[in-house]
Amino acid sequence: MKDVKIAFTSSTGIVEAVRGINMTIYPGQSVAIVGESGSGKSTAAMSILGLLPGTGTVTDGQIIFDGEDITGLSDKQMQKYRGSEIGLVPQDPMSNLNPVWRIGTQVAESLKANNVVKGSEVGARVTELLEEAGLPDAERRAKQYPHEFSGGMRQRALIAVGLAARPKLLIADEPTSALDVTVQKRILDHLEGLTRDLGTAVLFITHDLGLAAERAEHLVVMHRGRIVESGPSLQILRNPQHPYTQRLVKAAPSLASSRIQSALAAGEQSAELVAKGDVQETEEVIRVENLTRIFDVRGSRGDKKSLRAVDDVSFTLRRGSTLALVGESGSGKSTAANMVLNLLEPSEGKVFYKGTDLSTLSGKELFEMRRKMQVVFQNPYGSLDPMYSIYKCIEEPLALHKVGTRKDREARVADLLDMVAMPRSAMRRFPNELSGGQRQRIAIARALALKPEVLVLDEAVSALDVLVQNQIIQLLAELQDELDLSYLFITHDLAVVRQIADEVVVMKQGAVVEQGTADEIFANPQQDYTRDLIESVPGLNIELGTGSQLGLTEDGGAGAGSTRV
């Protein structure tokens, strides 16, 4: 790419998304473009395929592929390159497969479109590709539909489609952002092996610096449409020159960064404080005893079967602390949380809130109880009503519980917006006008409206960029100190757990396999499963030196004269 500029035409004029970038990818090389949402990384990559969304056009510069200038080619001319020369693994495995076509049909389509194999051999080749992508029992799987696949399996199917025609370049757009760390590691290992064997060059697009450092030889950092830094991955990570790259390195939860070191140092200090504050330490807010939930499911032949989604789980959440429920998708952690919130009836076992058994409460008492326990959901896009203004979103729980007069509620909403560091002018806006991180702040403000004592955070930061994720985690820590909140944090991201949890409960297939303090679990995991989860965190073992070496000041910016180590 030579001096490539890309612009979009909007109702307010022309918006420059990519402002003159230069990038070279060599055969067989792996390159990662890193940056937060809106930095232009996906736009830059999609321009190579000629698949810019909406009004996007390349306004200047050249994109040269294998010696040919492909910048201004028509859609028809680009078909020669798409699939057969340049493959794509798109970001969201949930929405990028056609729900009414069998998986095998969708892989076969990419073979036929690119005339890769003779018609009679397509079926055998589809099975081969799915096996290659790491799907066991590929022949049977090819006959299934996307809804019968887990997220990781769908992502493998998309990799099979992307590599079907043996392209020279594969663009992988956030190929694992929606997946558990263990599944992510398996898929990336597999992709790495496949592309190495085929000699395919890979262009990764990701906001996870740890992942980029571990998987790509060369790193390109984008910020507001420009490349601010590029070079060998480890060199950039160990010695970031640009203040923005320094901020990204400092914020990346997956890196063995200064944050974990400072968390350990803080842990040693707080250990002394704990001795003074023992009384508060022992006060339990929620106690879960032998919780079990059984669902009736249909077997493959329509027989009735039962599934133990949660199997004899017990844990205690203490006041002012954070307990993390950790495990892969399907380990039962969200089901357990729903029972704590009384949104699901336990099949067996009990949930106590400050000694009160929740199953004994009447409807009216439960309604009162709701004020004390609130929830922040995973997806900030789906959990706010798009028809409500931000003011109405936050005010709704106050109105429901008949708190104060209209004027009191207005003042409370303004206070809550201050609390989550959002401007008061946001009240008049609607959710679709806000970014993901801003929506999540509103969801937290809404959860705090009734002054609860417990917040259940269900994957509350997994959909966010590292910088935004870091801000939200810091915000949650400040609010916890200020309001003495207790958090039940559900996540599959162990890097985040390391940063915020006091206690960790590890779940696998519905049962607790290990629990203890965060320090114990990370320093000395007893179970292979826990060890796998920890070791799968991308970039965890890349040593980056300390924050002072990175030239970072307290506020996360670059210190004066700190461009070189």
Protein backbone atom coordinates (compact mmCIF):
# COMPACT_ATOMS: atom_id res chain seq x y z
CA MET A 1 0.00 0.00 0.00
CA LYS A 2 1.52 3.31 -1.10
CA ASP A 3 0.17 6.58 0.41
CA VAL A 4 -3.35 5.14 0.48
CA LYS A 5 -6.13 7.52 1.50
CA ILE A 6 -9.72 6.36 2.04
CA ALA A 7 -12.72 8.62 2.55
CA PHE A 8 -16.45 8.24 3.20
CA THR A 9 -19.12 10.67 2.10
CA SER A 10 -21.59 11.49 4.86
CA SER A 11 -24.48 13.94 5.18
CA THR A 12 -22.09 16.41 6.82
CA GLY A 13 -19.38 16.15 4.18
CA ILE A 14 -16.34 13.98 3.48
CA VAL A 15 -14.80 11.98 6.35
CA GLU A 16 -11.20 10.83 5.94
CA ALA A 17 -10.91 7.38 7.52
CA VAL A 18 -7.41 6.48 6.35
CA ARG A 19 -4.92 9.27 5.81
CA GLY A 20 -2.01 8.22 3.63
CA ILE A 21 -0.70 4.88 4.88
CA ASN A 22 2.25 2.86 3.60
CA MET A 23 2.53 -0.85 4.28
CA THR A 24 4.35 -3.79 2.70
CA ILE A 25 3.58 -7.47 3.26
CA TYR A 26 6.03 -10.07 1.93
CA PRO A 27 5.12 -13.63 0.86
CA GLY A 28 4.65 -15.86 3.90
CA GLN A 29 4.98 -12.97 6.35
CA SER A 30 2.57 -12.29 9.22
CA VAL A 31 1.70 -8.66 9.90
CA ALA A 32 -0.72 -7.29 12.51
CA ILE A 33 -2.51 -3.94 12.39
CA VAL A 34 -3.27 -2.81 15.94
CA GLY A 35 -5.42 0.06 17.13
CA GLU A 36 -8.66 0.82 18.93
CA SER A 37 -12.10 0.85 17.29
CA GLY A 38 -12.37 3.63 14.74
CA SER A 39 -8.61 3.83 14.08
CA GLY A 40 -9.13 2.77 10.45
CA LYS A 41 -7.53 -0.70 10.67
CA SER A 42 -10.46 -2.69 9.21
CA THR A 43 -11.06 -0.02 6.56
CA ALA A 44 -7.42 -0.24 5.43
CA ALA A 45 -7.59 -4.04 5.20
CA MET A 46 -10.95 -4.14 3.40
CA SER A 47 -9.68 -1.73 0.76
CA ILE A 48 -7.22 -4.46 -0.33
CA LEU A 49 -10.22 -6.69 -1.16
CA GLY A 50 -12.15 -3.81 -2.72
CA LEU A 51 -14.87 -4.36 -0.12
CA LEU A 52 -15.21 -0.94 1.46
CA PRO A 53 -18.61 -0.46 3.10
CA GLY A 54 -21.14 2.17 1.99
CA THR A 55 -19.68 5.26 0.37
CA GLY A 56 -16.05 4.34 1.10
CA THR A 57 -13.57 4.92 -1.72
CA VAL A 58 -9.81 4.96 -2.12
CA THR A 59 -9.21 8.62 -2.96
CA ASP A 60 -5.44 8.54 -3.37
CA GLY A 61 -2.43 6.23 -3.50
CA GLN A 62 -1.93 2.72 -4.85
CA ILE A 63 -2.64 -0.82 -3.69
CA ILE A 64 -0.29 -3.15 -5.55
CA PHE A 65 -0.89 -6.89 -5.25
CA ASP A 66 1.71 -9.27 -6.63
CA GLY A 67 3.02 -6.54 -8.94
CA GLU A 68 -0.43 -5.51 -10.28
CA ASP A 69 -2.08 -2.22 -9.36
CA ILE A 70 -5.55 -3.22 -8.13
CA THR A 71 -6.61 0.16 -6.74
CA GLY A 72 -9.27 1.21 -9.22
CA LEU A 73 -10.50 -2.18 -10.45
CA SER A 74 -14.23 -2.69 -10.98
CA ASP A 75 -16.15 -5.21 -8.90
CA LYS A 76 -16.07 -7.69 -11.78
CA GLN A 77 -12.30 -7.36 -12.23
CA MET A 78 -11.77 -7.79 -8.46
CA GLN A 79 -13.51 -11.18 -8.52
CA LYS A 80 -10.34 -12.65 -10.00
CA TYR A 81 -8.52 -11.77 -6.77
CA ARG A 82 -11.15 -12.34 -4.09
CA GLY A 83 -10.97 -15.79 -2.57
CA SER A 84 -8.42 -17.26 -4.93
CA GLU A 85 -5.62 -14.71 -4.34
CA ILE A 86 -6.78 -12.87 -1.20
CA GLY A 87 -8.80 -14.77 1.42
CA LEU A 88 -10.78 -13.34 4.33
CA VAL A 89 -11.69 -14.63 7.79
CA PRO A 90 -14.31 -12.14 8.99
CA GLN A 91 -14.75 -10.94 12.54
CA ASP A 92 -18.02 -12.26 13.85
CA PRO A 93 -18.56 -16.01 13.44
CA MET A 94 -22.15 -15.62 14.64
CA SER A 95 -23.31 -13.46 11.76
CA ASN A 96 -20.97 -14.33 8.88
CA LEU A 97 -22.38 -17.73 8.04
CA ASN A 98 -25.69 -18.14 6.25
CA PRO A 99 -28.08 -19.66 8.85
CA VAL A 100 -30.16 -21.59 6.29
CA TRP A 101 -27.28 -23.29 4.47
CA ARG A 102 -25.38 -26.32 5.72
CA ILE A 103 -21.75 -25.64 6.65
CA GLY A 104 -20.51 -27.96 3.86
CA THR A 105 -22.54 -26.05 1.25
CA GLN A 106 -20.92 -22.78 2.32
CA VAL A 107 -17.40 -24.20 2.02
CA ALA A 108 -18.32 -25.80 -1.34
CA GLU A 109 -19.56 -22.42 -2.56
CA SER A 110 -16.11 -20.88 -2.12
CA LEU A 111 -14.56 -23.82 -4.04
CA LYS A 112 -17.03 -23.47 -6.93
CA ALA A 113 -16.80 -19.68 -7.05
CA ASN A 114 -13.05 -19.93 -7.51
CA ASN A 115 -13.08 -23.00 -9.82
CA VAL A 116 -10.62 -24.73 -7.54
CA VAL A 117 -11.66 -28.37 -7.96
CA LYS A 118 -13.76 -30.42 -10.38
CA GLY A 119 -17.44 -30.75 -9.54
CA SER A 120 -17.20 -34.43 -8.70
CA GLU A 121 -14.43 -33.84 -6.13
CA VAL A 122 -16.09 -30.98 -4.22
CA GLY A 123 -17.61 -33.14 -1.46
CA ALA A 124 -14.33 -34.86 -0.59
CA ARG A 125 -12.45 -31.55 -0.70
CA VAL A 126 -14.98 -29.90 1.68
CA THR A 127 -14.41 -32.67 4.25
CA GLU A 128 -10.64 -32.28 3.83
CA LEU A 129 -10.81 -28.48 4.37
CA LEU A 130 -12.94 -28.79 7.49
CA GLU A 131 -10.56 -31.40 8.89
CA GLU A 132 -7.66 -29.11 8.05
CA ALA A 133 -9.37 -26.31 9.98
CA GLY A 134 -9.43 -28.62 12.99
CA LEU A 135 -13.06 -29.78 13.02
CA PRO A 136 -13.32 -33.37 14.25
CA ASP A 137 -15.74 -35.72 12.46
CA ALA A 138 -15.75 -33.34 9.50
CA GLU A 139 -17.95 -35.41 7.18
CA ARG A 140 -20.85 -35.38 9.65
CA ARG A 141 -20.22 -31.75 10.62
CA ALA A 142 -20.44 -30.62 7.00
CA LYS A 143 -24.10 -31.66 6.98
CA GLN A 144 -24.95 -29.49 10.01
CA TYR A 145 -26.19 -25.90 10.16
CA PRO A 146 -24.40 -22.94 11.80
CA HIS A 147 -26.74 -22.89 14.82
CA GLU A 148 -25.54 -26.42 15.68
CA PHE A 149 -21.95 -25.14 15.98
CA SER A 150 -20.32 -23.33 18.92
CA GLY A 151 -18.56 -20.00 18.29
CA GLY A 152 -15.16 -21.68 18.02
CA MET A 153 -16.45 -24.26 15.52
CA ARG A 154 -18.04 -21.55 13.37
CA GLN A 155 -14.74 -19.68 13.38
CA ARG A 156 -12.99 -22.86 12.14
CA ALA A 157 -15.56 -23.19 9.36
CA LEU A 158 -14.83 -19.59 8.33
CA ILE A 159 -11.10 -20.36 8.29
CA ALA A 160 -11.85 -23.34 6.00
CA VAL A 161 -13.79 -20.98 3.68
CA GLY A 162 -11.03 -18.35 3.77
CA LEU A 163 -8.28 -20.84 2.89
CA ALA A 164 -10.35 -22.99 0.49
CA ALA A 165 -8.84 -21.56 -2.67
CA ARG A 166 -5.27 -21.43 -1.27
CA PRO A 167 -4.89 -17.62 -1.40
CA LYS A 168 -1.49 -15.90 -1.27
CA LEU A 169 -2.73 -13.47 1.38
CA LEU A 170 -5.22 -14.12 4.18
CA ILE A 171 -6.84 -11.17 5.95
CA ALA A 172 -7.96 -12.21 9.45
CA ASP A 173 -10.20 -9.50 10.91
CA GLU A 174 -10.32 -9.94 14.73
CA PRO A 175 -10.52 -13.69 14.06
CA THR A 176 -10.87 -14.66 17.71
CA SER A 177 -12.25 -11.65 19.58
CA ALA A 178 -15.51 -13.43 20.41
CA LEU A 179 -13.87 -16.62 21.67
CA ASP A 180 -12.55 -18.10 24.92
CA VAL A 181 -8.79 -17.97 25.44
CA THR A 182 -8.29 -21.74 25.17
CA VAL A 183 -10.33 -21.99 21.94
CA GLN A 184 -8.58 -18.86 20.67
CA LYS A 185 -5.17 -20.41 21.28
CA ARG A 186 -6.10 -23.64 19.47
CA ILE A 187 -7.49 -21.77 16.49
CA LEU A 188 -4.53 -19.41 16.20
CA ASP A 189 -2.01 -22.26 16.57
CA HIS A 190 -3.87 -24.07 13.85
CA LEU A 191 -4.06 -21.04 11.56
CA GLU A 192 -0.35 -20.46 12.08
CA GLY A 193 0.50 -24.06 11.13
CA LEU A 194 -1.78 -24.00 8.09
CA THR A 195 -0.52 -20.71 6.70
CA ARG A 196 3.08 -21.76 7.31
CA ASP A 197 2.57 -25.01 5.38
CA LEU A 198 0.81 -23.21 2.53
CA GLY A 199 3.21 -20.25 2.49
CA THR A 200 0.30 -17.83 2.88
CA ALA A 201 0.95 -14.29 4.11
CA VAL A 202 -1.37 -13.23 6.94
CA LEU A 203 -2.65 -9.77 7.80
CA PHE A 204 -4.17 -9.78 11.32
CA ILE A 205 -6.45 -7.00 12.45
CA THR A 206 -6.75 -6.88 16.22
CA HIS A 207 -7.00 -4.56 19.21
CA ASP A 208 -5.22 -7.06 21.45
CA LEU A 209 -1.54 -6.18 21.60
CA GLY A 210 -0.59 -9.42 23.35
CA LEU A 211 -2.13 -11.44 20.57
CA ALA A 212 -0.45 -9.31 17.91
CA ALA A 213 2.95 -9.66 19.55
CA GLU A 214 2.66 -13.39 19.88
CA ARG A 215 1.29 -14.11 16.40
CA ALA A 216 2.83 -11.55 14.04
CA GLU A 217 6.43 -10.81 13.11
CA HIS A 218 5.67 -7.25 12.12
CA LEU A 219 3.42 -4.75 13.89
CA VAL A 220 1.65 -1.69 12.44
CA VAL A 221 0.02 0.65 14.99
CA MET A 222 -2.83 2.79 13.67
CA HIS A 223 -4.38 5.80 15.35
CA ARG A 224 -7.04 8.04 13.79
CA GLY A 225 -6.39 6.85 10.26
CA ARG A 226 -2.61 7.16 10.36
CA ILE A 227 0.20 4.71 11.03
CA VAL A 228 1.97 6.09 14.10
CA GLU A 229 4.55 3.31 14.43
CA SER A 230 5.59 0.13 12.65
CA GLY A 231 8.37 -2.42 12.98
CA PRO A 232 9.23 -5.86 14.39
CA SER A 233 6.59 -6.81 17.00
CA LEU A 234 8.78 -7.40 20.01
CA GLN A 235 10.88 -4.33 19.35
CA ILE A 236 7.76 -2.12 19.35
CA LEU A 237 6.33 -3.74 22.45
CA ARG A 238 9.52 -3.53 24.45
CA ASN A 239 10.37 -0.04 23.31
CA PRO A 240 7.27 1.84 22.10
CA GLN A 241 8.20 5.25 20.71
CA HIS A 242 4.87 6.93 20.13
CA PRO A 243 2.79 8.08 23.14
CA TYR A 244 -0.25 6.27 21.71
CA THR A 245 1.63 2.96 21.42
CA GLN A 246 2.89 3.47 24.97
CA ARG A 247 -0.71 3.90 26.13
CA LEU A 248 -1.77 0.73 24.28
CA VAL A 249 1.07 -1.30 25.77
CA LYS A 250 0.23 -0.03 29.22
CA ALA A 251 -3.47 -0.86 28.77
CA ALA A 252 -3.17 -4.33 27.21
CA PRO A 253 -4.53 -6.69 29.86
CA SER A 254 -2.95 -9.74 28.26
CA LEU A 255 0.61 -8.52 28.60
CA ALA A 256 2.78 -9.26 31.62
CA SER A 257 2.86 -5.50 31.90
CA SER A 258 3.54 -2.90 34.52
CA ARG A 259 -0.10 -3.20 35.62
CA ILE A 260 0.31 -6.72 36.97
CA GLN A 261 3.57 -5.73 38.66
CA SER A 262 1.90 -2.73 40.28
CA ALA A 263 -1.09 -4.89 41.23
CA LEU A 264 1.29 -7.25 43.05
CA ALA A 265 2.97 -4.34 44.82
CA ALA A 266 -0.44 -2.94 45.79
CA GLY A 267 -1.39 -6.44 46.97
CA GLU A 268 1.54 -6.49 49.39
CA GLN A 269 0.52 -3.10 50.80
CA SER A 270 -3.12 -4.09 51.10
CA ALA A 271 -2.14 -7.28 52.93
CA GLU A 272 -0.98 -5.05 55.81
CA LEU A 273 -4.25 -3.10 55.69
CA VAL A 274 -6.33 -6.29 55.75
CA ALA A 275 -4.93 -7.11 59.17
CA LYS A 276 -6.46 -3.87 60.49
CA GLY A 277 -9.79 -4.33 58.72
CA ASP A 278 -10.50 -7.97 59.56
CA VAL A 279 -14.11 -7.41 60.63
CA GLN A 280 -15.12 -6.12 57.23
CA GLU A 281 -13.18 -8.94 55.59
CA THR A 282 -15.40 -11.64 57.03
CA GLU A 283 -18.82 -10.09 56.41
CA GLU A 284 -20.46 -12.16 53.72
CA VAL A 285 -22.97 -10.62 51.34
CA ILE A 286 -23.84 -13.63 49.19
CA ARG A 287 -23.44 -17.28 50.04
CA VAL A 288 -24.21 -19.92 47.44
CA GLU A 289 -24.66 -23.47 48.74
CA ASN A 290 -24.71 -26.62 46.57
CA LEU A 291 -26.36 -24.83 43.67
CA THR A 292 -27.54 -27.16 40.89
CA ARG A 293 -29.54 -26.43 37.75
CA ILE A 294 -30.79 -29.15 35.42
CA PHE A 295 -32.27 -28.37 31.99
CA ASP A 296 -34.34 -30.77 29.91
CA VAL A 297 -32.85 -31.05 26.42
CA ARG A 298 -33.68 -33.15 23.39
CA GLY A 299 -31.19 -35.78 22.35
CA SER A 300 -30.15 -36.42 18.74
CA ARG A 301 -33.16 -38.70 18.13
CA GLY A 302 -35.61 -36.47 19.94
CA ASP A 303 -35.28 -38.46 23.20
CA LYS A 304 -35.63 -36.46 26.38
CA LYS A 305 -32.33 -35.94 28.14
CA SER A 306 -31.28 -33.72 30.99
CA LEU A 307 -28.25 -31.43 31.16
CA ARG A 308 -26.62 -30.46 34.44
CA ALA A 309 -25.65 -26.89 33.52
CA VAL A 310 -24.61 -26.10 37.10
CA ASP A 311 -23.53 -28.97 39.32
CA ASP A 312 -23.25 -28.57 43.11
CA VAL A 313 -21.57 -25.14 43.14
CA SER A 314 -20.76 -23.30 46.39
CA PHE A 315 -18.96 -19.98 46.97
CA THR A 316 -19.09 -16.87 49.17
CA LEU A 317 -18.86 -13.22 48.13
CA ARG A 318 -17.59 -10.90 50.89
CA ARG A 319 -18.41 -7.25 51.31
CA GLY A 320 -16.31 -4.81 49.29
CA SER A 321 -14.50 -7.57 47.39
CA THR A 322 -14.57 -8.97 43.85
CA LEU A 323 -15.21 -12.65 43.19
CA ALA A 324 -14.55 -13.82 39.62
CA LEU A 325 -16.40 -16.80 38.16
CA VAL A 326 -14.11 -18.06 35.40
CA GLY A 327 -14.46 -20.74 32.75
CA GLU A 328 -14.90 -21.39 29.05
CA SER A 329 -18.22 -20.87 27.26
CA GLY A 330 -20.70 -23.46 28.43
CA SER A 331 -19.05 -23.94 31.84
CA GLY A 332 -22.24 -22.77 33.58
CA LYS A 333 -20.96 -19.47 34.98
CA SER A 334 -23.76 -17.28 33.58
CA THR A 335 -26.39 -19.83 34.65
CA ALA A 336 -24.99 -19.68 38.20
CA ALA A 337 -25.13 -15.87 38.12
CA ASN A 338 -28.74 -15.92 36.92
CA MET A 339 -29.65 -18.06 39.91
CA VAL A 340 -27.87 -15.62 42.25
CA LEU A 341 -29.95 -12.84 40.67
CA ASN A 342 -33.08 -14.95 41.11
CA LEU A 343 -33.76 -14.90 37.36
CA LEU A 344 -33.59 -18.71 37.29
CA GLU A 345 -34.93 -21.17 39.86
CA PRO A 346 -32.26 -23.54 41.20
CA SER A 347 -33.07 -27.25 40.78
CA GLU A 348 -31.28 -27.82 44.09
CA GLY A 349 -29.29 -25.70 46.54
CA LYS A 350 -29.76 -22.23 47.99
CA VAL A 351 -28.67 -18.63 47.57
CA PHE A 352 -28.39 -16.50 50.72
CA TYR A 353 -28.19 -12.72 50.74
CA LYS A 354 -26.82 -11.56 54.12
CA GLY A 355 -28.16 -14.74 55.66
CA THR A 356 -31.65 -14.56 54.05
CA ASP A 357 -32.61 -17.49 51.84
CA LEU A 358 -33.84 -15.89 48.60
CA SER A 359 -36.23 -18.76 47.82
CA THR A 360 -38.33 -17.86 50.90
CA LEU A 361 -39.08 -14.30 49.77
CA SER A 362 -42.51 -13.19 48.54
CA GLY A 363 -42.90 -11.26 45.27
CA LYS A 364 -42.95 -7.91 47.09
CA GLU A 365 -39.85 -8.77 49.16
CA LEU A 366 -38.06 -9.90 45.99
CA PHE A 367 -38.87 -6.57 44.33
CA GLU A 368 -37.30 -4.78 47.31
CA MET A 369 -34.36 -7.18 47.12
CA ARG A 370 -33.72 -6.13 43.51
CA ARG A 371 -32.56 -2.74 44.77
CA LYS A 372 -29.64 -4.36 46.56
CA MET A 373 -28.45 -6.50 43.63
CA GLN A 374 -28.04 -5.11 40.14
CA VAL A 375 -26.53 -6.43 36.92
CA VAL A 376 -24.39 -5.15 34.03
CA PHE A 377 -24.69 -7.35 30.95
CA GLN A 378 -22.11 -8.36 28.40
CA ASN A 379 -23.39 -6.57 25.36
CA PRO A 380 -23.81 -2.79 25.75
CA TYR A 381 -25.52 -2.76 22.34
CA GLY A 382 -28.33 -5.08 23.39
CA SER A 383 -28.88 -4.13 27.02
CA LEU A 384 -30.01 -0.50 26.57
CA ASP A 385 -33.42 0.24 25.04
CA PRO A 386 -32.74 2.03 21.72
CA MET A 387 -36.02 3.96 22.02
CA TYR A 388 -35.11 5.47 25.41
CA SER A 389 -32.95 8.54 25.83
CA ILE A 390 -29.91 8.08 28.10
CA TYR A 391 -31.78 10.03 30.79
CA LYS A 392 -34.74 7.65 30.58
CA CYS A 393 -32.45 4.56 30.60
CA ILE A 394 -30.86 5.62 33.89
CA GLU A 395 -34.04 7.06 35.42
CA GLU A 396 -36.18 3.97 34.72
CA PRO A 397 -35.15 1.94 37.82
CA LEU A 398 -35.65 5.03 40.01
CA ALA A 399 -39.15 5.55 38.60
CA LEU A 400 -40.00 1.85 38.94
CA HIS A 401 -39.05 1.84 42.60
CA LYS A 402 -40.77 5.24 43.12
CA VAL A 403 -37.61 6.91 44.38
CA GLY A 404 -37.95 10.66 45.06
CA THR A 405 -39.70 13.33 43.04
CA ARG A 406 -39.05 13.99 39.37
CA LYS A 407 -36.59 16.72 40.37
CA ASP A 408 -34.72 14.39 42.78
CA ARG A 409 -34.45 11.80 40.02
CA GLU A 410 -33.03 14.36 37.59
CA ALA A 411 -30.37 15.32 40.13
CA ARG A 412 -29.59 11.64 40.78
CA VAL A 413 -29.14 10.92 37.04
CA ALA A 414 -26.77 13.90 36.77
CA ASP A 415 -24.76 12.57 39.75
CA LEU A 416 -24.61 9.10 38.22
CA LEU A 417 -23.31 10.47 34.92
CA ASP A 418 -20.57 12.30 36.86
CA MET A 419 -19.79 9.08 38.68
CA VAL A 420 -19.15 7.15 35.46
CA ALA A 421 -17.26 10.08 33.89
CA MET A 422 -19.85 10.93 31.24
CA PRO A 423 -20.85 14.53 30.41
CA ARG A 424 -24.30 15.61 31.61
CA SER A 425 -25.13 16.64 28.07
CA ALA A 426 -25.33 12.89 27.30
CA MET A 427 -28.78 12.80 28.96
CA ARG A 428 -30.48 14.03 25.82
CA ARG A 429 -28.75 11.54 23.54
CA PHE A 430 -29.81 8.02 22.53
CA PRO A 431 -27.79 4.75 22.81
CA ASN A 432 -27.10 4.61 19.05
CA GLU A 433 -25.20 7.91 19.32
CA LEU A 434 -22.69 6.45 21.77
CA SER A 435 -19.68 4.15 21.36
CA GLY A 436 -19.56 0.71 22.99
CA GLY A 437 -17.47 1.95 25.92
CA GLN A 438 -19.80 4.90 26.54
CA ARG A 439 -22.84 2.60 26.45
CA GLN A 440 -21.21 0.33 28.99
CA ARG A 441 -20.67 3.35 31.27
CA ILE A 442 -24.38 4.16 30.96
CA ALA A 443 -25.25 0.53 31.80
CA ILE A 444 -23.05 0.82 34.93
CA ALA A 445 -24.70 4.15 35.86
CA ARG A 446 -28.12 2.51 35.50
CA ALA A 447 -27.04 -0.43 37.67
CA LEU A 448 -25.85 2.00 40.38
CA ALA A 449 -29.02 4.13 40.31
CA LEU A 450 -30.68 2.35 43.25
CA LYS A 451 -27.49 2.35 45.38
CA PRO A 452 -27.07 -1.44 45.30
CA GLU A 453 -24.62 -3.38 47.46
CA VAL A 454 -23.85 -6.08 44.89
CA LEU A 455 -23.16 -5.76 41.17
CA VAL A 456 -23.18 -8.83 38.96
CA LEU A 457 -20.98 -8.09 35.94
CA ASP A 458 -21.57 -10.61 33.17
CA GLU A 459 -18.60 -10.36 30.75
CA ALA A 460 -18.98 -6.60 31.22
CA VAL A 461 -15.75 -5.66 29.40
CA SER A 462 -15.30 -8.47 26.87
CA ALA A 463 -16.88 -6.54 23.97
CA LEU A 464 -14.62 -3.52 24.45
CA ASP A 465 -11.24 -2.33 23.14
CA VAL A 466 -8.24 -2.59 25.45
CA LEU A 467 -8.01 1.14 26.15
CA VAL A 468 -11.74 1.39 26.86
CA GLN A 469 -11.62 -1.88 28.78
CA ASN A 470 -8.86 -0.47 30.94
CA GLN A 471 -10.88 2.71 31.64
CA ILE A 472 -13.99 0.71 32.62
CA ILE A 473 -11.96 -1.60 34.90
CA GLN A 474 -10.39 1.42 36.61
CA LEU A 475 -13.83 3.02 36.92
CA LEU A 476 -15.22 -0.16 38.53
CA ALA A 477 -12.29 -0.24 40.98
CA GLU A 478 -12.82 3.42 41.97
CA LEU A 479 -16.58 2.92 42.41
CA GLN A 480 -15.95 -0.17 44.53
CA ASP A 481 -13.69 1.81 46.88
CA GLU A 482 -16.00 4.79 47.03
CA LEU A 483 -19.32 2.94 47.49
CA ASP A 484 -18.06 -0.25 49.20
CA LEU A 485 -19.58 -2.41 46.45
CA SER A 486 -19.23 -6.18 46.11
CA TYR A 487 -18.73 -7.53 42.58
CA LEU A 488 -19.56 -10.93 41.17
CA PHE A 489 -17.54 -10.81 37.95
CA ILE A 490 -18.25 -13.40 35.26
CA THR A 491 -15.64 -13.70 32.54
CA HIS A 492 -13.53 -16.03 30.42
CA ASP A 493 -10.71 -13.48 30.21
CA LEU A 494 -8.09 -14.38 32.79
CA ALA A 495 -6.00 -11.33 32.04
CA VAL A 496 -8.86 -9.16 33.31
CA VAL A 497 -9.36 -11.45 36.33
CA ARG A 498 -5.70 -11.04 37.31
CA GLN A 499 -6.23 -7.35 37.39
CA ILE A 500 -9.42 -6.99 39.38
CA ALA A 501 -10.39 -10.12 41.32
CA ASP A 502 -9.72 -10.86 44.99
CA GLU A 503 -11.08 -14.40 44.84
CA VAL A 504 -11.43 -16.73 41.84
CA VAL A 505 -13.80 -19.65 41.29
CA VAL A 506 -12.88 -21.75 38.24
CA MET A 507 -15.77 -23.63 36.60
CA LYS A 508 -15.68 -26.44 34.06
CA GLN A 509 -18.75 -28.23 32.66
CA GLY A 510 -20.97 -26.91 35.44
CA ALA A 511 -18.75 -27.85 38.39
CA VAL A 512 -16.18 -25.90 40.42
CA VAL A 513 -12.73 -27.37 39.76
CA GLU A 514 -10.70 -24.90 41.80
CA GLN A 515 -11.16 -21.85 44.00
CA GLY A 516 -8.95 -19.55 46.05
CA THR A 517 -7.49 -16.06 46.14
CA ALA A 518 -6.39 -14.61 42.80
CA ASP A 519 -2.75 -14.65 43.93
CA GLU A 520 -2.89 -18.34 44.84
CA ILE A 521 -4.64 -19.39 41.65
CA PHE A 522 -2.25 -17.50 39.36
CA ALA A 523 0.92 -18.34 41.26
CA ASN A 524 0.13 -21.99 41.81
CA PRO A 525 -2.81 -23.43 39.83
CA GLN A 526 -3.64 -26.95 41.05
CA GLN A 527 -5.67 -28.19 38.07
CA ASP A 528 -4.46 -28.74 34.49
CA TYR A 529 -7.63 -27.00 33.28
CA THR A 530 -6.79 -23.82 35.23
CA ARG A 531 -3.19 -24.01 34.02
CA ASP A 532 -4.43 -24.26 30.41
CA LEU A 533 -6.67 -21.25 30.89
CA ILE A 534 -3.79 -19.20 32.27
CA GLU A 535 -1.28 -20.33 29.67
CA SER A 536 -3.66 -19.60 26.81
CA VAL A 537 -3.75 -15.87 27.58
CA PRO A 538 -2.06 -14.38 24.50
CA GLY A 539 1.23 -12.63 25.08
CA LEU A 540 1.25 -13.48 28.78
CA ASN A 541 4.89 -14.54 28.74
CA ILE A 542 6.25 -11.62 26.76
CA GLU A 543 8.37 -9.63 29.16
CA LEU A 544 8.00 -5.93 28.60
CA GLY A 545 10.08 -4.34 31.28
CA THR A 546 8.56 -2.00 33.84
CA GLY A 547 6.39 1.05 33.38
CA SER A 548 9.34 3.33 34.12
CA GLN A 549 11.31 1.70 31.30
CA LEU A 550 8.37 2.30 29.01
CA GLY A 551 8.60 5.96 29.90
CA LEU A 552 5.10 5.98 31.31
CA THR A 553 3.84 8.49 33.80
CA GLU A 554 1.00 7.84 36.24
CA ASP A 555 -1.69 9.17 33.91
CA GLY A 556 -0.70 6.73 31.18
CA GLY A 557 0.83 9.38 28.92
CA ALA A 558 4.51 9.55 28.01
CA GLY A 559 6.83 11.23 30.47
CA ALA A 560 8.99 14.11 29.32
CA GLY A 561 11.94 13.01 27.20
CA SER A 562 10.93 9.37 27.50
CA THR A 563 10.86 8.39 23.85
CA ARG A 564 13.89 6.09 24.21
CA VAL A 565 14.55 3.45 26.82
